[in-house]
Each structure stands twice: as C-alpha cells, then as structure tokens.
PDB file of N, CA and C in Angstrom:
ATOM      1  N   MET A   1       2.019 -45.574 110.812  1.00  0.00           N
ATOM      2  CA  MET A   1       1.805 -45.037 112.305  1.00  0.00           C
ATOM      3  C   MET A   1       0.166 -45.076 112.627  1.00  0.00           C
ATOM      4  N   LYS A   2       0.060 -45.395 113.649  1.00  0.00           N
ATOM      5  CA  LYS A   2      -1.295 -45.689 114.246  1.00  0.00           C
ATOM      6  C   LYS A   2      -1.737 -44.540 115.037  1.00  0.00           C
ATOM      7  N   LEU A   3      -2.615 -43.761 114.560  1.00  0.00           N
ATOM      8  CA  LEU A   3      -3.190 -42.566 115.222  1.00  0.00           C
ATOM      9  C   LEU A   3      -4.599 -43.191 116.125  1.00  0.00           C
ATOM     10  N   LEU A   4      -4.837 -42.335 117.172  1.00  0.00           N
ATOM     11  CA  LEU A   4      -5.789 -42.740 117.944  1.00  0.00           C
ATOM     12  C   LEU A   4      -7.000 -42.464 117.295  1.00  0.00           C
ATOM     13  N   ASN A   5      -7.884 -43.449 116.895  1.00  0.00           N
ATOM     14  CA  ASN A   5      -9.149 -43.337 116.311  1.00  0.00           C
ATOM     15  C   ASN A   5     -10.313 -43.183 116.878  1.00  0.00           C
ATOM     16  N   ASN A   6     -10.279 -43.474 118.323  1.00  0.00           N
ATOM     17  CA  ASN A   6     -11.391 -43.059 119.087  1.00  0.00           C
ATOM     18  C   ASN A   6     -10.912 -42.507 120.403  1.00  0.00           C
ATOM     19  N   LEU A   7     -11.418 -41.483 120.624  1.00  0.00           N
ATOM     20  CA  LEU A   7     -11.021 -40.673 122.199  1.00  0.00           C
ATOM     21  C   LEU A   7     -10.823 -41.749 123.304  1.00  0.00           C
ATOM     22  N   GLU A   8     -11.937 -42.600 123.270  1.00  0.00           N
ATOM     23  CA  GLU A   8     -12.147 -43.407 124.430  1.00  0.00           C
ATOM     24  C   GLU A   8     -11.297 -44.712 124.562  1.00  0.00           C
ATOM     25  N   ASN A   9     -10.969 -45.283 123.187  1.00  0.00           N
ATOM     26  CA  ASN A   9     -10.455 -46.518 123.172  1.00  0.00           C
ATOM     27  C   ASN A   9      -8.839 -46.211 122.885  1.00  0.00           C
ATOM     28  N   THR A  10      -8.026 -46.575 123.830  1.00  0.00           N
ATOM     29  CA  THR A  10      -6.455 -46.356 123.577  1.00  0.00           C
ATOM     30  C   THR A  10      -5.839 -47.637 123.299  1.00  0.00           C
ATOM     31  N   GLU A  11      -6.336 -48.661 123.104  1.00  0.00           N
ATOM     32  CA  GLU A  11      -5.892 -49.798 122.967  1.00  0.00           C
ATOM     33  C   GLU A  11      -5.085 -49.942 121.556  1.00  0.00           C
ATOM     34  N   GLY A  12      -3.743 -50.393 121.646  1.00  0.00           N
ATOM     35  CA  GLY A  12      -2.953 -50.168 120.576  1.00  0.00           C
ATOM     36  C   GLY A  12      -2.282 -48.775 120.114  1.00  0.00           C
ATOM     37  N   PHE A  13      -2.577 -47.777 121.011  1.00  0.00           N
ATOM     38  CA  PHE A  13      -2.257 -46.352 120.829  1.00  0.00           C
ATOM     39  C   PHE A  13      -0.737 -46.361 121.437  1.00  0.00           C
ATOM     40  N   ASP A  14       0.075 -45.768 120.614  1.00  0.00           N
ATOM     41  CA  ASP A  14       1.456 -45.939 121.227  1.00  0.00           C
ATOM     42  C   ASP A  14       1.678 -44.091 121.698  1.00  0.00           C
ATOM     43  N   LYS A  15       1.617 -44.284 123.190  1.00  0.00           N
ATOM     44  CA  LYS A  15       1.697 -43.129 123.910  1.00  0.00           C
ATOM     45  C   LYS A  15       2.887 -42.474 123.896  1.00  0.00           C
ATOM     46  N   LYS A  16       3.826 -43.030 123.441  1.00  0.00           N
ATOM     47  CA  LYS A  16       5.432 -42.501 123.195  1.00  0.00           C
ATOM     48  C   LYS A  16       5.763 -41.901 121.949  1.00  0.00           C
ATOM     49  N   ASP A  17       4.697 -41.868 120.956  1.00  0.00           N
ATOM     50  CA  ASP A  17       4.726 -41.403 119.652  1.00  0.00           C
ATOM     51  C   ASP A  17       4.281 -40.002 119.912  1.00  0.00           C
ATOM     52  N   PRO A  18       5.122 -38.903 119.651  1.00  0.00           N
ATOM     53  CA  PRO A  18       5.002 -37.482 119.942  1.00  0.00           C
ATOM     54  C   PRO A  18       3.553 -36.877 119.078  1.00  0.00           C
ATOM     55  N   LYS A  19       3.651 -37.536 117.786  1.00  0.00           N
ATOM     56  CA  LYS A  19       2.462 -37.114 116.778  1.00  0.00           C
ATOM     57  C   LYS A  19       1.243 -37.631 117.367  1.00  0.00           C
ATOM     58  N   ASN A  20       0.978 -38.972 117.902  1.00  0.00           N
ATOM     59  CA  ASN A  20       0.034 -39.257 118.527  1.00  0.00           C
ATOM     60  C   ASN A  20      -0.405 -38.386 119.700  1.00  0.00           C
ATOM     61  N   THR A  21       0.504 -38.059 120.680  1.00  0.00           N
ATOM     62  CA  THR A  21       0.385 -37.261 121.797  1.00  0.00           C
ATOM     63  C   THR A  21      -0.064 -35.951 121.431  1.00  0.00           C
ATOM     64  N   ILE A  22       0.480 -35.279 120.378  1.00  0.00           N
ATOM     65  CA  ILE A  22       0.092 -33.876 120.163  1.00  0.00           C
ATOM     66  C   ILE A  22      -1.307 -33.989 119.416  1.00  0.00           C
ATOM     67  N   PHE A  23      -1.601 -34.524 118.556  1.00  0.00           N
ATOM     68  CA  PHE A  23      -2.669 -34.825 117.842  1.00  0.00           C
ATOM     69  C   PHE A  23      -3.892 -35.146 118.784  1.00  0.00           C
ATOM     70  N   CYS A  24      -3.753 -36.060 119.570  1.00  0.00           N
ATOM     71  CA  CYS A  24      -4.852 -36.254 120.794  1.00  0.00           C
ATOM     72  C   CYS A  24      -5.043 -35.034 121.510  1.00  0.00           C
ATOM     73  N   SER A  25      -3.918 -34.393 121.901  1.00  0.00           N
ATOM     74  CA  SER A  25      -4.272 -33.208 122.786  1.00  0.00           C
ATOM     75  C   SER A  25      -4.911 -32.115 122.121  1.00  0.00           C
ATOM     76  N   TYR A  26      -4.726 -31.942 120.903  1.00  0.00           N
ATOM     77  CA  TYR A  26      -5.647 -31.005 120.091  1.00  0.00           C
ATOM     78  C   TYR A  26      -6.968 -31.615 119.820  1.00  0.00           C
ATOM     79  N   LEU A  27      -7.284 -32.785 119.831  1.00  0.00           N
ATOM     80  CA  LEU A  27      -8.575 -33.167 119.716  1.00  0.00           C
ATOM     81  C   LEU A  27      -9.404 -33.105 121.125  1.00  0.00           C
ATOM     82  N   GLN A  28      -8.673 -33.264 122.180  1.00  0.00           N
ATOM     83  CA  GLN A  28      -9.233 -33.280 123.440  1.00  0.00           C
ATOM     84  C   GLN A  28      -9.658 -31.829 123.701  1.00  0.00           C
ATOM     85  N   GLY A  29      -9.051 -30.791 123.333  1.00  0.00           N
ATOM     86  CA  GLY A  29      -9.329 -29.518 123.235  1.00  0.00           C
ATOM     87  C   GLY A  29     -10.443 -28.951 122.309  1.00  0.00           C
ATOM     88  N   ASN A  30     -10.707 -29.719 121.480  1.00  0.00           N
ATOM     89  CA  ASN A  30     -11.698 -29.664 120.072  1.00  0.00           C
ATOM     90  C   ASN A  30     -12.526 -30.714 120.051  1.00  0.00           C
ATOM     91  N   LEU A  31     -13.328 -30.989 121.074  1.00  0.00           N
ATOM     92  CA  LEU A  31     -14.283 -32.154 121.072  1.00  0.00           C
ATOM     93  C   LEU A  31     -15.320 -32.311 120.101  1.00  0.00           C
ATOM     94  N   PRO A  32     -15.813 -33.312 119.636  1.00  0.00           N
ATOM     95  CA  PRO A  32     -16.875 -33.444 118.929  1.00  0.00           C
ATOM     96  C   PRO A  32     -18.288 -32.511 119.316  1.00  0.00           C
ATOM     97  N   ALA A  33     -18.765 -31.796 118.410  1.00  0.00           N
ATOM     98  CA  ALA A  33     -19.933 -30.846 118.609  1.00  0.00           C
ATOM     99  C   ALA A  33     -21.160 -31.523 118.026  1.00  0.00           C
ATOM    100  N   ASP A  34     -22.428 -31.393 118.544  1.00  0.00           N
ATOM    101  CA  ASP A  34     -23.581 -31.590 118.141  1.00  0.00           C
ATOM    102  C   ASP A  34     -23.980 -30.408 117.126  1.00  0.00           C
ATOM    103  N   LEU A  35     -24.891 -30.755 116.305  1.00  0.00           N
ATOM    104  CA  LEU A  35     -25.432 -29.615 115.571  1.00  0.00           C
ATOM    105  C   LEU A  35     -26.060 -28.383 116.042  1.00  0.00           C
ATOM    106  N   SER A  36     -26.759 -28.962 117.531  1.00  0.00           N
ATOM    107  CA  SER A  36     -27.607 -27.775 118.262  1.00  0.00           C
ATOM    108  C   SER A  36     -26.430 -27.115 119.220  1.00  0.00           C
ATOM    109  N   ASP A  37     -25.341 -27.485 119.268  1.00  0.00           N
ATOM    110  CA  ASP A  37     -24.215 -26.642 119.951  1.00  0.00           C
ATOM    111  C   ASP A  37     -23.977 -25.268 119.612  1.00  0.00           C
ATOM    112  N   LYS A  38     -24.249 -24.189 120.199  1.00  0.00           N
ATOM    113  CA  LYS A  38     -24.134 -22.935 119.997  1.00  0.00           C
ATOM    114  C   LYS A  38     -22.971 -22.436 119.730  1.00  0.00           C
ATOM    115  N   ASN A  39     -21.949 -23.250 120.485  1.00  0.00           N
ATOM    116  CA  ASN A  39     -20.482 -22.639 120.505  1.00  0.00           C
ATOM    117  C   ASN A  39     -19.515 -23.527 119.584  1.00  0.00           C
ATOM    118  N   LYS A  40     -20.307 -24.191 118.772  1.00  0.00           N
ATOM    119  CA  LYS A  40     -19.405 -25.189 117.745  1.00  0.00           C
ATOM    120  C   LYS A  40     -18.741 -24.295 116.722  1.00  0.00           C
ATOM    121  N   VAL A  41     -17.522 -24.719 116.429  1.00  0.00           N
ATOM    122  CA  VAL A  41     -16.588 -24.087 115.471  1.00  0.00           C
ATOM    123  C   VAL A  41     -16.794 -24.956 114.302  1.00  0.00           C
ATOM    124  N   LEU A  42     -16.611 -24.718 112.856  1.00  0.00           N
ATOM    125  CA  LEU A  42     -16.463 -25.581 111.697  1.00  0.00           C
ATOM    126  C   LEU A  42     -15.081 -25.448 111.146  1.00  0.00           C
ATOM    127  N   LYS A  43     -14.381 -26.483 111.125  1.00  0.00           N
ATOM    128  CA  LYS A  43     -13.128 -26.355 110.267  1.00  0.00           C
ATOM    129  C   LYS A  43     -12.804 -27.455 109.272  1.00  0.00           C
ATOM    130  N   SER A  44     -12.143 -27.198 108.413  1.00  0.00           N
ATOM    131  CA  SER A  44     -11.935 -28.209 107.395  1.00  0.00           C
ATOM    132  C   SER A  44     -10.512 -28.883 107.941  1.00  0.00           C
ATOM    133  N   SER A  45     -10.496 -30.116 107.067  1.00  0.00           N
ATOM    134  CA  SER A  45      -9.181 -30.977 107.600  1.00  0.00           C
ATOM    135  C   SER A  45      -7.910 -29.845 107.256  1.00  0.00           C
ATOM    136  N   GLN A  46      -7.871 -29.229 106.166  1.00  0.00           N
ATOM    137  CA  GLN A  46      -6.897 -28.315 106.024  1.00  0.00           C
ATOM    138  C   GLN A  46      -6.688 -27.454 107.207  1.00  0.00           C
ATOM    139  N   ASP A  47      -7.840 -26.998 107.655  1.00  0.00           N
ATOM    140  CA  ASP A  47      -7.555 -25.873 108.890  1.00  0.00           C
ATOM    141  C   ASP A  47      -6.891 -26.676 109.931  1.00  0.00           C
ATOM    142  N   ILE A  48      -7.203 -27.931 110.329  1.00  0.00           N
ATOM    143  CA  ILE A  48      -6.587 -28.564 111.264  1.00  0.00           C
ATOM    144  C   ILE A  48      -5.102 -29.202 110.985  1.00  0.00           C
ATOM    145  N   VAL A  49      -4.864 -29.361 109.814  1.00  0.00           N
ATOM    146  CA  VAL A  49      -3.493 -29.436 109.418  1.00  0.00           C
ATOM    147  C   VAL A  49      -2.767 -28.430 109.669  1.00  0.00           C
ATOM    148  N   ASP A  50      -3.262 -27.229 109.476  1.00  0.00           N
ATOM    149  CA  ASP A  50      -2.552 -25.844 109.482  1.00  0.00           C
ATOM    150  C   ASP A  50      -2.458 -25.534 110.869  1.00  0.00           C
ATOM    151  N   ASP A  51      -3.331 -25.836 112.121  1.00  0.00           N
ATOM    152  CA  ASP A  51      -3.186 -25.437 113.471  1.00  0.00           C
ATOM    153  C   ASP A  51      -2.308 -26.454 113.888  1.00  0.00           C
ATOM    154  N   LEU A  52      -2.056 -27.632 113.364  1.00  0.00           N
ATOM    155  CA  LEU A  52      -0.955 -28.560 113.873  1.00  0.00           C
ATOM    156  C   LEU A  52       0.430 -28.356 113.465  1.00  0.00           C
ATOM    157  N   ALA A  53       0.518 -27.801 112.137  1.00  0.00           N
ATOM    158  CA  ALA A  53       1.770 -27.573 111.425  1.00  0.00           C
ATOM    159  C   ALA A  53       2.901 -27.116 112.245  1.00  0.00           C
ATOM    160  N   ASP A  54       3.011 -26.395 113.257  1.00  0.00           N
ATOM    161  CA  ASP A  54       3.944 -25.757 114.021  1.00  0.00           C
ATOM    162  C   ASP A  54       4.591 -26.971 115.004  1.00  0.00           C
ATOM    163  N   MET A  55       3.732 -27.997 115.188  1.00  0.00           N
ATOM    164  CA  MET A  55       4.087 -29.178 116.117  1.00  0.00           C
ATOM    165  C   MET A  55       4.392 -30.443 115.347  1.00  0.00           C
ATOM    166  N   ILE A  56       3.501 -30.704 114.423  1.00  0.00           N
ATOM    167  CA  ILE A  56       3.719 -32.121 113.825  1.00  0.00           C
ATOM    168  C   ILE A  56       3.161 -31.849 112.278  1.00  0.00           C
ATOM    169  N   GLU A  57       3.701 -32.996 111.440  1.00  0.00           N
ATOM    170  CA  GLU A  57       3.285 -32.984 110.196  1.00  0.00           C
ATOM    171  C   GLU A  57       2.204 -34.281 110.292  1.00  0.00           C
ATOM    172  N   VAL A  58       0.887 -33.573 109.758  1.00  0.00           N
ATOM    173  CA  VAL A  58      -0.255 -34.767 109.557  1.00  0.00           C
ATOM    174  C   VAL A  58      -0.676 -34.475 108.207  1.00  0.00           C
ATOM    175  N   SER A  59      -1.359 -35.444 107.462  1.00  0.00           N
ATOM    176  CA  SER A  59      -2.030 -35.246 106.354  1.00  0.00           C
ATOM    177  C   SER A  59      -3.437 -35.027 106.455  1.00  0.00           C
ATOM    178  N   ILE A  60      -4.130 -34.270 105.453  1.00  0.00           N
ATOM    179  CA  ILE A  60      -5.389 -34.099 105.435  1.00  0.00           C
ATOM    180  C   ILE A  60      -6.128 -35.568 105.303  1.00  0.00           C
ATOM    181  N   ASN A  61      -5.591 -36.599 104.866  1.00  0.00           N
ATOM    182  CA  ASN A  61      -6.292 -37.889 104.811  1.00  0.00           C
ATOM    183  C   ASN A  61      -6.311 -38.410 106.164  1.00  0.00           C
ATOM    184  N   GLU A  62      -4.998 -38.271 107.075  1.00  0.00           N
ATOM    185  CA  GLU A  62      -4.910 -38.778 108.424  1.00  0.00           C
ATOM    186  C   GLU A  62      -6.110 -37.905 109.173  1.00  0.00           C
ATOM    187  N   VAL A  63      -6.247 -36.571 108.913  1.00  0.00           N
ATOM    188  CA  VAL A  63      -7.167 -35.991 109.851  1.00  0.00           C
ATOM    189  C   VAL A  63      -8.479 -36.258 109.596  1.00  0.00           C
ATOM    190  N   ALA A  64      -9.034 -36.617 108.357  1.00  0.00           N
ATOM    191  CA  ALA A  64     -10.140 -37.018 107.894  1.00  0.00           C
ATOM    192  C   ALA A  64     -10.311 -38.515 108.533  1.00  0.00           C
ATOM    193  N   ASP A  65      -9.416 -39.210 108.333  1.00  0.00           N
ATOM    194  CA  ASP A  65      -9.691 -40.664 108.901  1.00  0.00           C
ATOM    195  C   ASP A  65      -9.963 -40.733 110.563  1.00  0.00           C
ATOM    196  N   VAL A  66      -9.115 -40.099 111.199  1.00  0.00           N
ATOM    197  CA  VAL A  66      -9.439 -39.826 112.796  1.00  0.00           C
ATOM    198  C   VAL A  66     -10.545 -39.381 113.052  1.00  0.00           C
ATOM    199  N   LEU A  67     -10.851 -38.280 112.659  1.00  0.00           N
ATOM    200  CA  LEU A  67     -12.308 -37.473 112.900  1.00  0.00           C
ATOM    201  C   LEU A  67     -13.244 -38.248 112.535  1.00  0.00           C
ATOM    202  N   ALA A  68     -13.448 -38.877 111.326  1.00  0.00           N
ATOM    203  CA  ALA A  68     -14.398 -39.677 110.883  1.00  0.00           C
ATOM    204  C   ALA A  68     -14.718 -40.671 111.762  1.00  0.00           C
ATOM    205  N   ASN A  69     -13.735 -41.375 112.432  1.00  0.00           N
ATOM    206  CA  ASN A  69     -13.891 -42.548 113.126  1.00  0.00           C
ATOM    207  C   ASN A  69     -13.863 -42.402 114.808  1.00  0.00           C
ATOM    208  N   SER A  70     -13.990 -40.909 115.097  1.00  0.00           N
ATOM    209  CA  SER A  70     -13.847 -40.349 116.495  1.00  0.00           C
ATOM    210  C   SER A  70     -15.280 -39.689 116.866  1.00  0.00           C
ATOM    211  N   GLY A  71     -16.265 -39.962 115.853  1.00  0.00           N
ATOM    212  CA  GLY A  71     -17.583 -39.303 116.136  1.00  0.00           C
ATOM    213  C   GLY A  71     -17.725 -37.832 115.865  1.00  0.00           C
ATOM    214  N   TYR A  72     -16.997 -37.200 115.141  1.00  0.00           N
ATOM    215  CA  TYR A  72     -17.144 -35.831 114.665  1.00  0.00           C
ATOM    216  C   TYR A  72     -17.919 -35.849 113.469  1.00  0.00           C
ATOM    217  N   LEU A  73     -18.951 -35.005 113.368  1.00  0.00           N
ATOM    218  CA  LEU A  73     -19.897 -34.756 112.178  1.00  0.00           C
ATOM    219  C   LEU A  73     -19.411 -33.734 111.229  1.00  0.00           C
ATOM    220  N   VAL A  74     -19.672 -34.089 109.974  1.00  0.00           N
ATOM    221  CA  VAL A  74     -19.316 -33.329 108.927  1.00  0.00           C
ATOM    222  C   VAL A  74     -20.522 -32.373 108.656  1.00  0.00           C
ATOM    223  N   VAL A  75     -20.538 -31.056 108.411  1.00  0.00           N
ATOM    224  CA  VAL A  75     -21.615 -30.255 108.257  1.00  0.00           C
ATOM    225  C   VAL A  75     -21.167 -29.510 106.852  1.00  0.00           C
ATOM    226  N   THR A  76     -22.093 -28.641 106.554  1.00  0.00           N
ATOM    227  CA  THR A  76     -21.903 -27.757 105.498  1.00  0.00           C
ATOM    228  C   THR A  76     -21.473 -26.120 105.960  1.00  0.00           C
ATOM    229  N   GLY A  77     -20.818 -25.676 105.906  1.00  0.00           N
ATOM    230  CA  GLY A  77     -20.402 -24.413 106.358  1.00  0.00           C
ATOM    231  C   GLY A  77     -21.018 -23.288 105.465  1.00  0.00           C
ATOM    232  N   ASP A  78     -20.911 -21.913 105.832  1.00  0.00           N
ATOM    233  CA  ASP A  78     -21.587 -20.813 105.012  1.00  0.00           C
ATOM    234  C   ASP A  78     -21.038 -20.782 103.639  1.00  0.00           C
ATOM    235  N   ASP A  79     -19.699 -21.346 103.537  1.00  0.00           N
ATOM    236  CA  ASP A  79     -19.368 -21.470 102.218  1.00  0.00           C
ATOM    237  C   ASP A  79     -19.605 -22.781 101.232  1.00  0.00           C
ATOM    238  N   HIS A  80     -20.746 -23.162 101.962  1.00  0.00           N
ATOM    239  CA  HIS A  80     -21.049 -24.408 101.166  1.00  0.00           C
ATOM    240  C   HIS A  80     -20.245 -25.684 100.952  1.00  0.00           C
ATOM    241  N   LEU A  81     -19.088 -25.574 101.922  1.00  0.00           N
ATOM    242  CA  LEU A  81     -18.017 -26.759 101.896  1.00  0.00           C
ATOM    243  C   LEU A  81     -18.185 -27.456 103.221  1.00  0.00           C
ATOM    244  N   PRO A  82     -17.717 -28.855 102.705  1.00  0.00           N
ATOM    245  CA  PRO A  82     -17.808 -29.855 104.316  1.00  0.00           C
ATOM    246  C   PRO A  82     -16.917 -29.448 105.186  1.00  0.00           C
ATOM    247  N   ARG A  83     -17.415 -29.210 106.502  1.00  0.00           N
ATOM    248  CA  ARG A  83     -16.533 -28.806 107.591  1.00  0.00           C
ATOM    249  C   ARG A  83     -16.638 -29.954 108.773  1.00  0.00           C
ATOM    250  N   TRP A  84     -15.919 -30.028 109.655  1.00  0.00           N
ATOM    251  CA  TRP A  84     -16.020 -30.669 110.851  1.00  0.00           C
ATOM    252  C   TRP A  84     -16.483 -29.843 112.067  1.00  0.00           C
ATOM    253  N   ALA A  85     -17.634 -30.323 112.668  1.00  0.00           N
ATOM    254  CA  ALA A  85     -18.168 -29.531 113.693  1.00  0.00           C
ATOM    255  C   ALA A  85     -17.394 -29.933 115.151  1.00  0.00           C
ATOM    256  N   MET A  86     -16.637 -28.879 115.681  1.00  0.00           N
ATOM    257  CA  MET A  86     -15.877 -28.835 116.842  1.00  0.00           C
ATOM    258  C   MET A  86     -16.390 -28.048 117.909  1.00  0.00           C
ATOM    259  N   LEU A  87     -16.227 -28.526 119.302  1.00  0.00           N
ATOM    260  CA  LEU A  87     -16.535 -27.691 120.320  1.00  0.00           C
ATOM    261  C   LEU A  87     -15.204 -27.189 120.984  1.00  0.00           C
ATOM    262  N   PRO A  88     -14.792 -26.336 120.827  1.00  0.00           N
ATOM    263  CA  PRO A  88     -13.509 -25.751 121.481  1.00  0.00           C
ATOM    264  C   PRO A  88     -13.465 -25.942 122.975  1.00  0.00           C
ATOM    265  N   GLY A  89     -12.554 -26.278 123.502  1.00  0.00           N
ATOM    266  CA  GLY A  89     -12.416 -26.085 125.123  1.00  0.00           C
ATOM    267  C   GLY A  89     -12.277 -24.855 125.718  1.00  0.00           C
ATOM    268  N   LYS A  90     -12.511 -24.626 126.962  1.00  0.00           N
ATOM    269  CA  LYS A  90     -12.397 -23.450 127.544  1.00  0.00           C
ATOM    270  C   LYS A  90     -11.324 -23.241 128.089  1.00  0.00           C
TER     271      LYS A  90
END
C-alpha cells in the first residue's frame, strides 16, 4: 500500500483507497508544527495509531514513515520521549 508521503505531492497516490483518504484527512487536520508554534501538540506514533483505530488499521512504522517524509518534526516531550510536533486544525 502506498500512503501519501507528502501533503503537496499526490502523484501515484490512490485516492480511492479509504486508508489513504482517512489518513490524509487526519494529517490535513494536524499539520506539521514549528518549534515556535504555541498551539502545537506533541503526539507519539502510537497516539496517532490510536486516534485512527476506529477508522483504519495503520502501523506505527507506517505513521513514522509518512510523517518523517512529510515535514513533521520530532521533538522531545516533557516525558523525555520523542513526539511528533503537530498543529491541530480549528
């Protein structure tokens, strides 16, 4: 399965695959955040898997691969564990 690896580049992206559509919709509502963004939230790959679990099955490695290749930053949270910096939509 090919997931969208860049929110701007949809070449080769199967828009009919529900998994792609749902995952991309999730990412569009949780865009990459800069370190200076005051409204950023920090989520682990497992947090994202859990967020999507009611809709699709996606692995931790799939989440990490897509976010790493889509401009999301990894930062250390208060618990000293790596997290994705995300800017939730309004």
